[in-house]
Amino acid sequence: MEDGHMHMTPPPAANATGTPPMNNMGMMMMHMTFYWGNKGEILFSGWPGTRSGMYALALIFVFLMAIIDEWLSGRRPFKPGSNHVAAGLVQTVVHGIRMGVAYMVMLALMSFNGGVFVAAVVGHALGFLAFRSRVFMGNETTSLEKTSDHP
């Protein structure tokens, strides 16, 4: 910071196993680019670890969270004509849960793991297909604009 500007250098690239390198204090450095490997941390310290089965479980977890996010995005938890206060409270609770799930997916993506990225995108796509697209709506004419708060 000699000239008044902070100079930040990215961490060194991952080693051959896909594990982020350690800094000189023994702390693991975060990836700053996508990497393809089953060794890293997703959401929690030490998870999924170095076992391939746990990595597969982590991908399934992210995939299911993305599907749940799409399911919650397209649901109307109340019937027309119901009590507005009760409906508003239920809608607020469902929105809070959906935002928590969406932020968990976002935090998992911040691991920069390519498999996690693919699991999240496929989960959102299949969730949209199953719960919000016109494919399974039958004769309903509900427009996407009325059932979604996504951009």
Protein backbone atom coordinates (compact mmCIF):
# COMPACT_ATOMS: atom_id res chain seq x y z
CA MET A 1 0.00 0.00 0.00
CA GLU A 2 2.87 2.29 -0.83
CA ASP A 3 1.01 4.54 -3.29
CA GLY A 4 -2.27 4.72 -1.35
CA HIS A 5 -3.83 1.80 -3.22
CA MET A 6 -4.28 -1.67 -1.86
CA HIS A 7 -2.69 -4.30 -4.08
CA MET A 8 -4.26 -7.73 -3.83
CA THR A 9 -2.87 -10.74 -5.57
CA PRO A 10 -5.00 -13.84 -6.13
CA PRO A 11 -4.04 -17.01 -4.31
CA PRO A 12 -1.87 -19.47 -6.18
CA ALA A 13 -3.56 -22.10 -8.31
CA ALA A 14 -4.73 -25.33 -6.74
CA ASN A 15 -2.39 -28.27 -6.67
CA ALA A 16 -2.89 -31.40 -8.76
CA THR A 17 -5.47 -32.83 -6.31
CA GLY A 18 -7.74 -29.78 -6.63
CA THR A 19 -7.15 -28.79 -3.02
CA PRO A 20 -6.56 -25.08 -2.41
CA PRO A 21 -3.00 -24.31 -1.30
CA MET A 22 -2.05 -23.28 2.21
CA ASN A 23 -0.67 -19.83 2.97
CA ASN A 24 2.40 -19.27 5.12
CA MET A 25 0.25 -19.34 8.29
CA GLY A 26 -1.12 -22.82 7.56
CA MET A 27 -4.58 -21.56 6.61
CA MET A 28 -6.34 -22.85 3.51
CA MET A 29 -6.81 -20.24 0.79
CA MET A 30 -10.07 -19.94 -1.14
CA HIS A 31 -10.23 -20.62 -4.86
CA MET A 32 -10.78 -17.52 -6.96
CA THR A 33 -11.49 -19.39 -10.21
CA PHE A 34 -13.52 -22.48 -11.08
CA TYR A 35 -11.82 -25.80 -10.50
CA TRP A 36 -12.88 -29.36 -11.20
CA GLY A 37 -12.15 -31.67 -8.34
CA ASN A 38 -13.80 -33.51 -5.49
CA LYS A 39 -11.56 -32.12 -2.79
CA GLY A 40 -12.49 -28.82 -1.24
CA GLU A 41 -15.00 -27.28 1.13
CA ILE A 42 -18.64 -26.61 0.34
CA LEU A 43 -20.75 -24.69 2.86
CA PHE A 44 -19.16 -26.12 6.02
CA SER A 45 -15.59 -26.40 7.23
CA GLY A 46 -14.18 -29.80 6.30
CA TRP A 47 -17.25 -30.83 4.25
CA PRO A 48 -17.28 -32.83 2.04
CA GLY A 49 -13.64 -33.62 2.82
CA THR A 50 -11.57 -35.90 0.63
CA ARG A 51 -13.99 -38.80 0.14
CA SER A 52 -15.72 -39.06 -3.23
CA GLY A 53 -18.94 -40.33 -1.65
CA MET A 54 -19.23 -37.25 0.53
CA TYR A 55 -18.55 -35.05 -2.51
CA ALA A 56 -21.40 -36.80 -4.37
CA LEU A 57 -23.64 -36.21 -1.33
CA ALA A 58 -22.69 -32.51 -1.37
CA LEU A 59 -23.63 -32.27 -5.07
CA ILE A 60 -26.98 -33.98 -4.40
CA PHE A 61 -27.60 -31.60 -1.49
CA VAL A 62 -26.96 -28.52 -3.69
CA PHE A 63 -29.08 -30.02 -6.48
CA LEU A 64 -32.01 -30.61 -4.10
CA MET A 65 -31.71 -27.12 -2.57
CA ALA A 66 -31.95 -25.61 -6.06
CA ILE A 67 -35.07 -27.69 -6.81
CA ILE A 68 -36.62 -26.67 -3.48
CA ASP A 69 -35.92 -23.01 -4.27
CA GLU A 70 -37.82 -23.33 -7.57
CA TRP A 71 -40.67 -25.18 -5.87
CA LEU A 72 -41.01 -22.48 -3.22
CA SER A 73 -40.79 -19.76 -5.88
CA GLY A 74 -43.84 -21.03 -7.74
CA ARG A 75 -46.12 -21.85 -4.80
CA ARG A 76 -49.03 -19.77 -3.61
CA PRO A 77 -49.54 -21.00 -0.02
CA PHE A 78 -53.02 -19.51 0.30
CA LYS A 79 -56.36 -19.62 -1.49
CA PRO A 80 -58.00 -16.56 -3.02
CA GLY A 81 -60.44 -15.02 -0.56
CA SER A 82 -58.59 -16.24 2.53
CA ASN A 83 -57.77 -14.02 5.48
CA HIS A 84 -55.31 -11.42 4.18
CA VAL A 85 -53.34 -11.16 7.42
CA ALA A 86 -52.90 -14.93 7.79
CA ALA A 87 -52.10 -15.29 4.09
CA GLY A 88 -49.56 -12.48 4.33
CA LEU A 89 -47.87 -14.07 7.34
CA VAL A 90 -47.68 -17.48 5.64
CA GLN A 91 -46.38 -15.88 2.47
CA THR A 92 -43.71 -14.04 4.49
CA VAL A 93 -42.58 -17.23 6.23
CA VAL A 94 -42.39 -19.13 2.93
CA HIS A 95 -40.44 -16.26 1.38
CA GLY A 96 -37.99 -16.26 4.29
CA ILE A 97 -37.42 -20.01 3.94
CA ARG A 98 -36.97 -19.65 0.17
CA MET A 99 -34.43 -16.87 0.62
CA GLY A 100 -32.51 -18.99 3.13
CA VAL A 101 -32.39 -21.88 0.65
CA ALA A 102 -31.40 -19.56 -2.21
CA TYR A 103 -28.58 -18.04 -0.15
CA MET A 104 -27.32 -21.52 0.77
CA VAL A 105 -27.13 -22.36 -2.95
CA MET A 106 -25.28 -19.09 -3.56
CA LEU A 107 -22.82 -19.80 -0.76
CA ALA A 108 -22.20 -23.30 -2.15
CA LEU A 109 -21.45 -21.73 -5.54
CA MET A 110 -18.87 -19.50 -3.89
CA SER A 111 -16.73 -22.61 -3.44
CA PHE A 112 -15.95 -22.18 -7.18
CA ASN A 113 -16.26 -25.93 -7.66
CA GLY A 114 -17.40 -26.78 -11.19
CA GLY A 115 -19.45 -29.76 -10.04
CA VAL A 116 -21.35 -27.61 -7.55
CA PHE A 117 -22.05 -25.08 -10.30
CA VAL A 118 -23.43 -27.76 -12.62
CA ALA A 119 -25.53 -29.30 -9.81
CA ALA A 120 -27.07 -25.90 -8.97
CA VAL A 121 -27.85 -24.98 -12.59
CA VAL A 122 -29.35 -28.40 -13.39
CA GLY A 123 -31.34 -28.33 -10.13
CA HIS A 124 -32.77 -24.89 -10.93
CA ALA A 125 -33.54 -25.91 -14.52
CA LEU A 126 -35.31 -29.14 -13.55
CA GLY A 127 -37.09 -27.42 -10.68
CA PHE A 128 -38.34 -24.74 -13.04
CA LEU A 129 -39.45 -27.38 -15.55
CA ALA A 130 -41.31 -29.37 -12.91
CA PHE A 131 -42.90 -26.60 -10.85
CA ARG A 132 -43.05 -23.38 -12.84
CA SER A 133 -43.06 -24.05 -16.58
CA ARG A 134 -46.21 -24.53 -18.60
CA VAL A 135 -45.28 -28.14 -19.34
CA PHE A 136 -47.02 -29.51 -16.24
CA MET A 137 -49.56 -26.73 -15.63
CA GLY A 138 -52.31 -28.35 -17.69
CA ASN A 139 -54.95 -25.83 -18.75
CA GLU A 140 -53.93 -23.22 -16.20
CA THR A 141 -53.12 -19.87 -17.74
CA THR A 142 -51.13 -18.54 -14.81
CA SER A 143 -48.36 -16.39 -16.20
CA LEU A 144 -44.82 -16.62 -14.91
CA GLU A 145 -44.93 -12.96 -13.90
CA LYS A 146 -47.69 -13.70 -11.38
CA THR A 147 -45.90 -16.63 -9.70
CA SER A 148 -42.30 -15.49 -9.58
CA ASP A 149 -40.24 -12.85 -7.90
CA HIS A 150 -37.09 -13.92 -9.73
CA PRO A 151 -35.73 -11.51 -12.36
